[in-house]
Amino acid sequence: MNIKHESTKQKTVLKSQQKKAIVYVIFAVCCLALGGVFVRLSEAGPIATGGFRSLIAAPMLFLLSIPGRHRGSQPKLAFRDHTIIAAGGFLLAADLCLWNVSFFYTTLAESNLLANLVPFIVAIYGWIFYHTVPDKRLVMPALFALGGLTLLALADVHLNPTHVFGDILALSTAFFYAGFLVVAKGLRERHPAMRIMSILSLWCALGCFTVAFLRGERIVPQTWRGWLLLVILAVTSQILGQTLMAHAVRFLPLQLASLFVLLQPIAAALYAYILFKEELALPQIIGIVILLGAIYRSKMILESES
């Protein structure tokens, strides 16, 4: 009886943790969607802006990780872990380099849309690295999600080569961000998110600034307003966005966490409408409804397994 009671208790705790993690992921996605807004407004170059986003966040994350270290519950980082964190940092840097540049060639909604075709890539990565076979029941929701994403993207098709170039950059981003999620998932099994991201952000900043210098971008903002935008970007996207995402993936199946990332184009479309008057067409609205339905159905399928 005690074993059965403990098992039931553990399942209840797990479900509670998953519900909290879902809230964290949704909030993180809304924060991440703000990234394109700040990149467009930044006085620094787009890739340098990504570098400052990570560099400014790193000491904040380090300070936030100190209380956990004092409790003595955190294992030491092995050399292998440092190597994996560095790899994760460079994957995130590649993601930011491509994504931030894409904002200047295509719309915020399309850039967020194409950059967040992550679930389909995560399914492949999960199978390779974690031997996780995708649930066959997810095929239909995935097809509906792809249809919803297509409506969002094709409602305002542009055949301008410059616009197509921006779309290609945004699509390439998805492969690197999916890699970052896989790395974060593995690290979170052993270490707290704050600790991981404080180090990972430094590697990410190094990668971004290296590319920014090679591209000849403007590195330093010229006014206090420019610096303030970078600080807000660091807090919203890197700390509240990426770090909350890295924290939440420990308590969620990787497929489910990546599905919620699909909400980012919706948030970006709303921000673009409010701030830049980029209106949503009827097919885009229909695409959003289909996308939300596909995410909900996938969530129910994955939760039924636990």
Protein backbone atom coordinates (compact mmCIF):
# COMPACT_ATOMS: atom_id res chain seq x y z
CA MET A 1 0.00 0.00 0.00
CA ASN A 2 2.82 2.39 0.87
CA ILE A 3 4.52 1.73 -2.47
CA LYS A 4 1.28 2.41 -4.34
CA HIS A 5 0.71 5.58 -2.27
CA GLU A 6 4.25 6.81 -3.01
CA SER A 7 3.81 6.09 -6.72
CA THR A 8 0.55 8.07 -6.81
CA LYS A 9 2.18 10.90 -4.90
CA GLN A 10 5.12 11.00 -7.33
CA LYS A 11 2.74 11.13 -10.32
CA THR A 12 0.83 14.02 -8.70
CA VAL A 13 4.06 15.94 -8.07
CA LEU A 14 5.22 15.28 -11.65
CA LYS A 15 1.95 16.55 -13.13
CA SER A 16 2.16 19.66 -10.93
CA GLN A 17 5.72 20.29 -12.12
CA GLN A 18 4.68 19.83 -15.75
CA LYS A 19 1.81 22.30 -15.39
CA LYS A 20 4.19 24.91 -13.96
CA ALA A 21 6.72 24.14 -16.69
CA ILE A 22 4.07 24.72 -19.38
CA VAL A 23 3.31 28.15 -17.88
CA TYR A 24 7.05 28.92 -17.84
CA VAL A 25 7.44 27.86 -21.48
CA ILE A 26 4.51 30.02 -22.64
CA PHE A 27 5.84 33.03 -20.73
CA ALA A 28 9.35 32.36 -22.08
CA VAL A 29 8.01 32.22 -25.65
CA CYS A 30 6.23 35.58 -25.23
CA CYS A 31 9.50 37.10 -23.98
CA LEU A 32 11.54 35.56 -26.80
CA ALA A 33 9.12 36.97 -29.38
CA LEU A 34 10.09 40.47 -28.20
CA GLY A 35 13.61 39.88 -29.51
CA GLY A 36 12.82 41.02 -33.05
CA VAL A 37 11.28 44.26 -31.79
CA PHE A 38 14.40 45.25 -29.85
CA VAL A 39 16.76 44.16 -32.64
CA ARG A 40 14.98 46.47 -35.08
CA LEU A 41 15.13 49.37 -32.60
CA SER A 42 18.74 48.75 -31.50
CA GLU A 43 21.49 51.27 -32.32
CA ALA A 44 24.05 48.45 -32.57
CA GLY A 45 24.23 46.00 -35.47
CA PRO A 46 21.85 43.02 -35.36
CA ILE A 47 24.49 40.43 -34.48
CA ALA A 48 26.25 42.76 -32.01
CA THR A 49 22.84 43.27 -30.41
CA GLY A 50 22.63 39.49 -29.93
CA GLY A 51 26.08 39.56 -28.36
CA PHE A 52 25.10 42.26 -25.86
CA ARG A 53 21.88 40.39 -25.10
CA SER A 54 23.97 37.45 -23.88
CA LEU A 55 26.86 39.42 -22.35
CA ILE A 56 24.65 41.68 -20.21
CA ALA A 57 22.58 38.72 -19.05
CA ALA A 58 25.58 36.59 -17.99
CA PRO A 59 26.50 38.43 -14.72
CA MET A 60 22.80 38.73 -13.80
CA LEU A 61 22.36 34.99 -14.24
CA PHE A 62 25.55 34.31 -12.25
CA LEU A 63 24.24 36.34 -9.29
CA LEU A 64 20.89 34.58 -9.47
CA SER A 65 22.63 31.19 -9.35
CA ILE A 66 24.62 31.96 -6.15
CA PRO A 67 21.92 31.03 -3.57
CA GLY A 68 21.71 27.50 -4.97
CA ARG A 69 25.48 27.10 -4.73
CA HIS A 70 25.50 28.11 -1.06
CA ARG A 71 23.04 25.31 -0.28
CA GLY A 72 25.68 22.89 -1.51
CA SER A 73 23.24 20.91 -3.63
CA GLN A 74 24.87 21.58 -6.98
CA PRO A 75 27.40 19.09 -8.39
CA LYS A 76 30.62 20.37 -9.86
CA LEU A 77 30.78 20.99 -13.58
CA ALA A 78 32.96 18.37 -15.21
CA PHE A 79 35.17 19.21 -18.18
CA ARG A 80 32.72 17.35 -20.42
CA ASP A 81 29.89 19.57 -19.15
CA HIS A 82 31.90 22.71 -19.88
CA THR A 83 32.48 21.45 -23.42
CA ILE A 84 28.76 20.77 -23.89
CA ILE A 85 27.87 24.21 -22.49
CA ALA A 86 30.31 25.84 -24.93
CA ALA A 87 28.71 23.90 -27.79
CA GLY A 88 25.29 25.06 -26.62
CA GLY A 89 26.56 28.65 -26.50
CA PHE A 90 27.81 28.52 -30.08
CA LEU A 91 24.55 26.90 -31.24
CA LEU A 92 22.61 29.75 -29.64
CA ALA A 93 25.05 32.27 -31.15
CA ALA A 94 24.45 30.83 -34.63
CA ASP A 95 20.71 31.01 -33.96
CA LEU A 96 20.92 34.68 -32.95
CA CYS A 97 23.23 35.65 -35.82
CA LEU A 98 20.90 34.28 -38.49
CA TRP A 99 17.66 35.26 -36.76
CA ASN A 100 18.62 38.84 -35.92
CA VAL A 101 19.77 39.54 -39.48
CA SER A 102 16.58 38.03 -40.92
CA PHE A 103 14.44 40.72 -39.23
CA PHE A 104 15.78 43.27 -41.71
CA TYR A 105 14.83 41.24 -44.78
CA THR A 106 11.43 39.80 -43.87
CA THR A 107 8.53 40.51 -41.51
CA LEU A 108 8.65 39.79 -37.78
CA ALA A 109 5.83 37.27 -38.07
CA GLU A 110 7.45 35.31 -40.92
CA SER A 111 10.88 35.37 -39.30
CA ASN A 112 9.48 34.01 -36.03
CA LEU A 113 7.38 31.50 -37.93
CA LEU A 114 10.19 29.97 -39.97
CA ALA A 115 12.66 30.08 -37.10
CA ASN A 116 10.27 28.09 -34.94
CA LEU A 117 9.68 25.03 -37.10
CA VAL A 118 11.61 23.50 -34.23
CA PRO A 119 9.34 20.56 -33.28
CA PHE A 120 9.90 18.80 -36.60
CA ILE A 121 13.68 19.14 -36.20
CA VAL A 122 13.61 18.27 -32.49
CA ALA A 123 11.83 15.00 -33.34
CA ILE A 124 14.83 14.05 -35.51
CA TYR A 125 17.42 15.24 -32.95
CA GLY A 126 15.56 13.47 -30.12
CA TRP A 127 15.60 10.22 -32.08
CA ILE A 128 19.34 10.55 -32.79
CA PHE A 129 20.57 11.69 -29.35
CA TYR A 130 17.97 10.28 -26.93
CA HIS A 131 16.55 7.38 -29.00
CA THR A 132 13.10 8.88 -28.49
CA VAL A 133 10.75 7.51 -31.14
CA PRO A 134 8.06 10.09 -32.04
CA ASP A 135 4.53 9.03 -31.11
CA LYS A 136 2.58 8.01 -34.24
CA ARG A 137 -0.47 9.80 -32.82
CA LEU A 138 1.42 13.08 -33.20
CA VAL A 139 1.57 12.78 -36.99
CA MET A 140 -1.89 14.25 -37.57
CA PRO A 141 -1.50 17.19 -35.12
CA ALA A 142 1.92 17.86 -36.69
CA LEU A 143 0.38 18.02 -40.16
CA PHE A 144 -2.30 20.41 -38.91
CA ALA A 145 0.40 22.53 -37.21
CA LEU A 146 2.35 22.62 -40.47
CA GLY A 147 -0.84 23.68 -42.29
CA GLY A 148 -1.46 26.45 -39.77
CA LEU A 149 2.12 27.65 -40.11
CA THR A 150 1.79 27.61 -43.89
CA LEU A 151 -1.31 29.81 -43.74
CA LEU A 152 0.57 32.22 -41.50
CA ALA A 153 3.50 32.37 -43.92
CA LEU A 154 1.76 32.31 -47.29
CA ALA A 155 -0.97 34.87 -46.51
CA ASP A 156 1.45 37.57 -47.59
CA VAL A 157 3.83 35.93 -50.02
CA HIS A 158 6.66 38.03 -51.38
CA LEU A 159 8.68 36.92 -54.36
CA ASN A 160 11.29 39.62 -53.82
CA PRO A 161 14.72 37.89 -53.68
CA THR A 162 15.66 39.99 -50.65
CA HIS A 163 12.56 38.81 -48.80
CA VAL A 164 13.25 35.19 -49.77
CA PHE A 165 16.80 35.58 -48.45
CA GLY A 166 15.39 36.70 -45.09
CA ASP A 167 13.09 33.69 -45.02
CA ILE A 168 16.02 31.33 -45.70
CA LEU A 169 18.00 32.88 -42.84
CA ALA A 170 15.03 32.47 -40.48
CA LEU A 171 14.48 28.86 -41.53
CA SER A 172 18.17 28.03 -40.97
CA THR A 173 17.81 29.38 -37.44
CA ALA A 174 15.46 26.53 -36.51
CA PHE A 175 18.18 23.89 -36.89
CA PHE A 176 20.51 25.68 -34.47
CA TYR A 177 17.79 26.49 -31.92
CA ALA A 178 16.63 22.87 -31.93
CA GLY A 179 20.23 21.89 -31.22
CA PHE A 180 20.31 24.34 -28.32
CA LEU A 181 17.14 22.78 -26.84
CA VAL A 182 18.65 19.29 -27.08
CA VAL A 183 21.83 20.46 -25.33
CA ALA A 184 19.82 22.30 -22.64
CA LYS A 185 17.67 19.21 -22.06
CA GLY A 186 20.75 17.06 -21.41
CA LEU A 187 22.45 19.60 -19.13
CA ARG A 188 19.30 20.23 -17.09
CA GLU A 189 19.32 16.60 -15.96
CA ARG A 190 22.45 17.44 -13.92
CA HIS A 191 22.64 21.20 -13.33
CA PRO A 192 20.36 24.20 -12.55
CA ALA A 193 19.28 26.42 -15.45
CA MET A 194 20.76 29.62 -13.99
CA ARG A 195 24.20 28.08 -13.66
CA ILE A 196 24.14 26.62 -17.15
CA MET A 197 22.91 29.80 -18.82
CA SER A 198 25.34 32.12 -16.99
CA ILE A 199 28.26 30.26 -18.61
CA LEU A 200 26.51 29.44 -21.87
CA SER A 201 25.65 33.14 -22.37
CA LEU A 202 29.35 34.05 -22.31
CA TRP A 203 30.13 31.57 -25.07
CA CYS A 204 27.13 32.83 -27.01
CA ALA A 205 28.34 36.45 -26.65
CA LEU A 206 31.83 35.45 -27.83
CA GLY A 207 30.39 33.82 -30.94
CA CYS A 208 28.12 36.79 -31.75
CA PHE A 209 30.78 39.48 -31.27
CA THR A 210 33.28 37.53 -33.39
CA VAL A 211 30.82 37.43 -36.30
CA ALA A 212 29.81 41.08 -35.73
CA PHE A 213 33.45 42.23 -35.95
CA LEU A 214 34.02 40.18 -39.11
CA ARG A 215 30.89 41.74 -40.68
CA GLY A 216 32.03 45.24 -39.75
CA GLU A 217 28.89 46.01 -37.77
CA ARG A 218 28.44 48.94 -35.43
CA ILE A 219 29.25 47.42 -32.06
CA VAL A 220 28.59 50.07 -29.41
CA PRO A 221 25.29 52.02 -29.02
CA GLN A 222 25.62 55.80 -29.27
CA THR A 223 23.05 56.92 -26.66
CA TRP A 224 21.75 55.93 -23.21
CA ARG A 225 18.51 54.88 -24.93
CA GLY A 226 20.47 52.41 -27.03
CA TRP A 227 22.05 50.88 -23.92
CA LEU A 228 18.69 50.76 -22.14
CA LEU A 229 17.19 48.79 -25.04
CA LEU A 230 20.02 46.26 -24.79
CA VAL A 231 19.50 45.82 -21.04
CA ILE A 232 15.75 45.28 -21.53
CA LEU A 233 16.50 42.82 -24.35
CA ALA A 234 18.88 40.88 -22.08
CA VAL A 235 16.33 40.69 -19.27
CA THR A 236 13.35 39.72 -21.45
CA SER A 237 14.93 37.43 -24.06
CA GLN A 238 17.99 35.91 -22.39
CA ILE A 239 16.97 35.72 -18.71
CA LEU A 240 13.17 35.44 -18.81
CA GLY A 241 13.16 33.80 -22.25
CA GLN A 242 16.04 31.38 -22.80
CA THR A 243 16.71 30.65 -19.12
CA LEU A 244 13.08 29.88 -18.31
CA MET A 245 12.99 27.69 -21.41
CA ALA A 246 16.14 25.85 -20.28
CA HIS A 247 14.59 25.39 -16.83
CA ALA A 248 11.25 24.11 -18.12
CA VAL A 249 12.57 21.48 -20.54
CA ARG A 250 13.68 19.35 -17.58
CA PHE A 251 10.05 18.75 -16.60
CA LEU A 252 8.52 18.35 -20.07
CA PRO A 253 8.95 15.90 -22.94
CA LEU A 254 11.19 17.57 -25.51
CA GLN A 255 8.49 17.18 -28.17
CA LEU A 256 5.90 18.97 -26.02
CA ALA A 257 8.26 21.82 -25.05
CA SER A 258 9.17 22.38 -28.70
CA LEU A 259 5.48 22.40 -29.69
CA PHE A 260 4.85 25.35 -27.39
CA VAL A 261 7.67 27.19 -29.18
CA LEU A 262 5.22 27.37 -32.12
CA LEU A 263 3.32 30.00 -30.12
CA GLN A 264 6.18 32.44 -30.73
CA PRO A 265 5.05 33.45 -34.26
CA ILE A 266 1.61 34.24 -32.83
CA ALA A 267 3.11 36.48 -30.14
CA ALA A 268 5.40 38.11 -32.73
CA ALA A 269 2.44 38.79 -35.02
CA LEU A 270 0.59 40.52 -32.16
CA TYR A 271 3.65 42.61 -31.27
CA ALA A 272 4.12 43.57 -34.92
CA TYR A 273 0.46 44.61 -35.15
CA ILE A 274 0.64 46.72 -31.99
CA LEU A 275 4.05 48.34 -32.58
CA PHE A 276 4.55 48.33 -36.35
CA LYS A 277 0.94 48.22 -37.62
CA GLU A 278 1.55 44.92 -39.44
CA GLU A 279 -2.04 43.69 -39.72
CA LEU A 280 -3.10 40.04 -39.74
CA ALA A 281 -5.03 38.81 -42.77
CA LEU A 282 -7.96 36.39 -42.39
CA PRO A 283 -5.92 33.35 -43.55
CA GLN A 284 -3.31 34.19 -40.90
CA ILE A 285 -5.98 34.29 -38.20
CA ILE A 286 -7.32 30.93 -39.40
CA GLY A 287 -3.73 29.61 -39.33
CA ILE A 288 -3.37 30.74 -35.70
CA VAL A 289 -6.57 28.95 -34.70
CA ILE A 290 -5.43 25.72 -36.44
CA LEU A 291 -2.01 26.01 -34.83
CA LEU A 292 -3.48 26.44 -31.33
CA GLY A 293 -5.74 23.42 -31.89
CA ALA A 294 -2.80 21.28 -33.04
CA ILE A 295 -0.74 22.28 -30.00
CA TYR A 296 -3.61 21.50 -27.64
CA ARG A 297 -4.23 18.09 -29.24
CA SER A 298 -0.50 17.22 -29.07
CA LYS A 299 -0.43 18.28 -25.42
CA MET A 300 -3.32 15.94 -24.60
CA ILE A 301 -1.63 13.03 -26.41
CA LEU A 302 1.70 13.51 -24.62
CA GLU A 303 0.05 13.97 -21.23
CA SER A 304 -1.90 10.71 -21.67
CA GLU A 305 1.41 8.85 -21.72
CA SER A 306 2.44 10.06 -18.26
